[in-house]
């Protein structure tokens, strides 16, 4: 079989292209790219991102950078909130908001979170936390399209999750999280080992090219802010 998107050969029995992650056979595709005014059109469709936590800070603060180390976004968690309302800005002056993660429900654990382009106020995707799994076993989130349909998930291995949650000094175990679309792994989020601070990187080469990476980046930020707070 030939992938209609990238032209690469795909096994006849396969449901996905091994090169670009496209679903073969006319099945529903990932939500289309949303135009992002005021910035390069491929800013949130690149193939590598890194999220780094600022050390020695009173509240959780994170930087988003690209493969060249250029800053793409900055976020600072609010200390007192009933619902998660995470804003991502171009830098730490916090004057130019680029996207936000808004929780629909007041109860944190059960929430579905909208990832919204701040300039157009358009939902580019949704994140849903699997409450019991993330709380007691291993981190797991569902990736939803703007209409709320599940298209993938981001999940940590059970063994590593249990070790990080319950073993002495388990928080020092690096986190490795699989990114799946329609049941096929397309990327891995890897935490770099540090005694102080957290740093995650993800290679998106196999992530469908039209998928807005802000949904995945939002999930990575939430894993840092929410899951780490519970350990």
Protein backbone atom coordinates (compact mmCIF):
# COMPACT_ATOMS: atom_id res chain seq x y z
CA UNK A 1 0.00 0.00 0.00
CA UNK A 2 1.07 3.59 -0.63
CA UNK A 3 0.33 6.28 1.97
CA UNK A 4 -1.85 8.96 0.29
CA UNK A 5 -0.29 11.69 2.46
CA UNK A 6 3.49 11.20 2.19
CA UNK A 7 3.82 8.58 -0.57
CA UNK A 8 5.74 6.09 1.56
CA UNK A 9 5.14 2.36 1.25
CA UNK A 10 3.01 0.85 4.02
CA UNK A 11 2.41 -2.82 4.85
CA UNK A 12 -0.85 -4.18 3.45
CA UNK A 13 -1.97 -5.36 6.87
CA UNK A 14 -1.03 -2.10 8.60
CA UNK A 15 -3.58 0.51 9.67
CA UNK A 16 -1.04 3.35 9.84
CA UNK A 17 1.81 4.68 7.75
CA UNK A 18 5.13 3.99 9.50
CA UNK A 19 6.61 7.18 8.05
CA UNK A 20 4.10 9.93 8.90
CA UNK A 21 1.53 8.17 11.13
CA UNK A 22 -1.35 8.69 8.71
CA UNK A 23 -4.23 6.23 9.10
CA UNK A 24 -4.55 4.14 5.93
CA UNK A 25 -7.92 3.35 4.38
CA UNK A 26 -9.96 6.52 4.69
CA UNK A 27 -10.54 6.46 8.45
CA UNK A 28 -11.10 9.72 10.33
CA UNK A 29 -8.03 11.95 10.44
CA UNK A 30 -6.69 14.14 13.21
CA UNK A 31 -8.22 17.61 13.44
CA UNK A 32 -6.97 20.00 10.76
CA UNK A 33 -4.35 22.65 11.46
CA UNK A 34 -5.72 25.88 12.92
CA UNK A 35 -4.23 29.08 11.50
CA UNK A 36 -2.02 30.89 14.00
CA UNK A 37 -1.87 34.58 13.23
CA UNK A 38 1.09 36.71 14.28
CA UNK A 39 3.65 33.85 14.29
CA UNK A 40 5.31 31.47 11.82
CA UNK A 41 2.64 29.01 10.58
CA UNK A 42 4.74 25.98 11.58
CA UNK A 43 5.51 27.15 15.12
CA UNK A 44 3.24 24.54 16.72
CA UNK A 45 3.75 21.90 14.03
CA UNK A 46 7.48 21.28 14.46
CA UNK A 47 9.15 17.92 15.03
CA UNK A 48 10.92 18.56 18.32
CA UNK A 49 10.04 20.33 21.57
CA UNK A 50 11.54 20.55 25.02
CA UNK A 51 9.84 21.68 28.22
CA UNK A 52 12.07 22.74 31.10
CA UNK A 53 11.02 23.59 34.63
CA UNK A 54 12.55 26.69 36.18
CA UNK A 55 14.45 25.71 39.32
CA UNK A 56 14.30 27.45 42.68
CA UNK A 57 10.97 29.07 41.88
CA UNK A 58 8.11 29.55 44.36
CA UNK A 59 5.53 28.30 41.84
CA UNK A 60 5.76 25.89 38.91
CA UNK A 61 7.23 27.69 35.91
CA UNK A 62 8.08 26.12 32.55
CA UNK A 63 9.78 27.11 29.31
CA UNK A 64 8.94 25.59 25.91
CA UNK A 65 11.87 25.55 23.45
CA UNK A 66 12.49 24.17 19.96
CA UNK A 67 15.37 22.03 18.71
CA UNK A 68 17.64 25.08 18.37
CA UNK A 69 16.94 26.10 21.97
CA UNK A 70 14.80 29.10 21.00
CA UNK A 71 12.08 30.04 23.47
CA UNK A 72 8.58 29.44 22.15
CA UNK A 73 6.55 29.79 25.33
CA UNK A 74 6.56 30.40 29.08
CA UNK A 75 3.99 29.52 31.72
CA UNK A 76 3.61 30.06 35.44
CA UNK A 77 1.11 28.13 37.55
CA UNK A 78 -1.33 30.12 39.63
CA UNK A 79 -0.95 29.39 43.35
CA UNK A 80 -4.62 29.56 44.33
CA UNK A 81 -7.24 28.29 41.91
CA UNK A 82 -10.50 26.34 41.94
CA UNK A 83 -10.01 25.24 38.36
CA UNK A 84 -6.84 24.90 36.34
CA UNK A 85 -6.33 27.94 34.12
CA UNK A 86 -2.88 27.71 32.59
CA UNK A 87 -1.72 30.54 30.32
CA UNK A 88 1.26 30.22 27.96
CA UNK A 89 3.01 33.43 26.94
CA UNK A 90 5.83 34.20 24.53
CA UNK A 91 8.19 35.00 27.45
CA UNK A 92 8.32 35.65 31.18
CA UNK A 93 7.13 39.25 30.81
CA UNK A 94 3.70 37.57 30.41
CA UNK A 95 2.43 40.30 28.10
CA UNK A 96 1.74 38.28 24.95
CA UNK A 97 -0.46 35.22 25.52
CA UNK A 98 -0.27 32.56 22.78
CA UNK A 99 -2.46 29.75 24.09
CA UNK A 100 -4.18 28.59 27.25
CA UNK A 101 -5.39 25.40 28.94
CA UNK A 102 -8.83 25.84 30.46
CA UNK A 103 -10.52 23.31 32.75
CA UNK A 104 -14.25 22.85 32.16
CA UNK A 105 -15.12 21.30 35.53
CA UNK A 106 -14.34 22.60 38.99
CA UNK A 107 -13.16 19.23 40.32
CA UNK A 108 -9.55 19.00 39.24
CA UNK A 109 -9.20 15.24 38.98
CA UNK A 110 -12.17 14.67 36.68
CA UNK A 111 -11.63 17.61 34.38
CA UNK A 112 -11.54 17.84 30.62
CA UNK A 113 -9.22 20.65 29.54
CA UNK A 114 -9.61 22.78 26.42
CA UNK A 115 -6.45 23.92 24.65
CA UNK A 116 -7.32 27.30 23.12
CA UNK A 117 -5.48 29.61 20.71
CA UNK A 118 -5.50 32.93 22.55
CA UNK A 119 -5.52 35.13 19.44
CA UNK A 120 -8.47 33.50 17.72
CA UNK A 121 -10.13 31.98 20.83
CA UNK A 122 -10.31 28.73 18.86
CA UNK A 123 -10.13 25.33 20.53
CA UNK A 124 -7.30 23.36 18.88
CA UNK A 125 -7.78 20.21 20.97
CA UNK A 126 -8.77 18.80 24.34
CA UNK A 127 -7.05 16.81 27.10
CA UNK A 128 -8.79 14.44 29.50
CA UNK A 129 -7.05 13.09 32.58
CA UNK A 130 -7.70 9.44 33.47
CA UNK A 131 -8.26 10.16 37.14
CA UNK A 132 -7.79 6.86 38.99
CA UNK A 133 -4.97 5.63 36.75
CA UNK A 134 -2.99 8.88 36.99
CA UNK A 135 -3.69 9.30 40.69
CA UNK A 136 -2.67 5.86 41.92
CA UNK A 137 -0.85 3.88 39.22
CA UNK A 138 0.73 5.71 36.26
CA UNK A 139 0.11 8.99 34.45
CA UNK A 140 -2.42 8.68 31.63
CA UNK A 141 -4.24 11.30 29.58
CA UNK A 142 -6.53 11.09 26.55
CA UNK A 143 -5.98 13.32 23.51
CA UNK A 144 -9.26 14.62 22.04
CA UNK A 145 -9.96 16.61 18.89
CA UNK A 146 -11.73 19.99 19.17
CA UNK A 147 -15.09 18.19 18.99
CA UNK A 148 -14.26 15.98 21.97
CA UNK A 149 -13.59 12.78 20.00
CA UNK A 150 -10.69 10.69 21.31
CA UNK A 151 -7.84 10.41 18.80
CA UNK A 152 -5.03 9.24 21.05
CA UNK A 153 -3.56 9.03 24.50
CA UNK A 154 -0.40 9.85 26.43
CA UNK A 155 0.46 7.12 28.91
CA UNK A 156 3.27 6.11 31.24
CA UNK A 157 4.28 2.45 31.71
CA UNK A 158 2.69 0.88 34.79
CA UNK A 159 5.93 -0.46 36.27
CA UNK A 160 7.76 2.86 36.01
CA UNK A 161 4.71 4.74 37.25
CA UNK A 162 4.40 2.59 40.38
CA UNK A 163 8.12 2.92 41.06
CA UNK A 164 8.01 6.71 40.78
CA UNK A 165 4.95 6.97 43.00
CA UNK A 166 5.72 4.52 45.79
CA UNK A 167 9.41 3.59 45.92
CA UNK A 168 11.74 5.59 48.22
CA UNK A 169 13.25 8.36 46.11
CA UNK A 170 10.95 7.23 43.29
CA UNK A 171 10.58 10.81 42.14
CA UNK A 172 14.15 10.58 40.81
CA UNK A 173 13.18 7.84 38.34
CA UNK A 174 13.06 9.50 34.87
CA UNK A 175 9.62 9.52 33.27
CA UNK A 176 9.13 7.92 29.83
CA UNK A 177 5.67 8.40 28.37
CA UNK A 178 4.25 6.95 25.13
CA UNK A 179 2.21 9.09 22.72
CA UNK A 180 -0.34 7.06 20.73
CA UNK A 181 -2.72 7.93 17.90
CA UNK A 182 -5.51 5.46 17.14
CA UNK A 183 -3.68 2.77 19.12
CA UNK A 184 -0.27 3.16 17.47
CA UNK A 185 2.72 4.67 19.26
CA UNK A 186 4.06 7.66 17.32
CA UNK A 187 6.31 9.39 19.85
CA UNK A 188 7.85 9.20 23.30
CA UNK A 189 8.14 11.96 25.89
CA UNK A 190 11.40 11.43 27.77
CA UNK A 191 12.37 13.13 31.00
CA UNK A 192 16.02 14.04 31.40
CA UNK A 193 17.44 13.02 34.77
CA UNK A 194 18.04 15.92 37.15
CA UNK A 195 18.30 16.09 40.92
CA UNK A 196 16.61 19.49 40.90
CA UNK A 197 14.10 20.50 38.26
CA UNK A 198 12.42 18.65 35.40
CA UNK A 199 13.05 18.59 31.68
CA UNK A 200 11.05 16.70 29.04
CA UNK A 201 11.71 16.36 25.33
CA UNK A 202 9.65 14.83 22.53
CA UNK A 203 10.48 13.92 18.92
CA UNK A 204 7.35 14.48 16.81
CA UNK A 205 8.61 13.14 13.47
CA UNK A 206 6.00 10.37 13.45
CA UNK A 207 3.17 12.51 14.84
CA UNK A 208 0.63 13.33 12.08
CA UNK A 209 1.90 16.58 10.53
CA UNK A 210 -1.48 18.37 10.66
CA UNK A 211 -1.89 17.73 14.42
CA UNK A 212 -1.48 20.94 16.44
CA UNK A 213 1.29 20.11 18.93
CA UNK A 214 -0.08 22.54 21.53
CA UNK A 215 -2.49 19.83 22.71
CA UNK A 216 0.43 17.50 23.40
CA UNK A 217 2.55 20.29 24.92
CA UNK A 218 -0.38 21.25 27.14
CA UNK A 219 -0.58 17.67 28.35
CA UNK A 220 3.16 17.66 29.10
CA UNK A 221 2.84 20.87 31.11
CA UNK A 222 -0.12 19.50 33.03
CA UNK A 223 1.77 16.32 33.84
CA UNK A 224 4.45 18.49 35.38
CA UNK A 225 2.14 20.82 37.25
CA UNK A 226 -0.60 18.42 38.38
CA UNK A 227 1.01 14.98 38.66
CA UNK A 228 4.21 16.23 40.30
CA UNK A 229 2.17 18.15 42.87
CA UNK A 230 0.52 14.88 43.94
CA UNK A 231 3.74 12.91 44.50
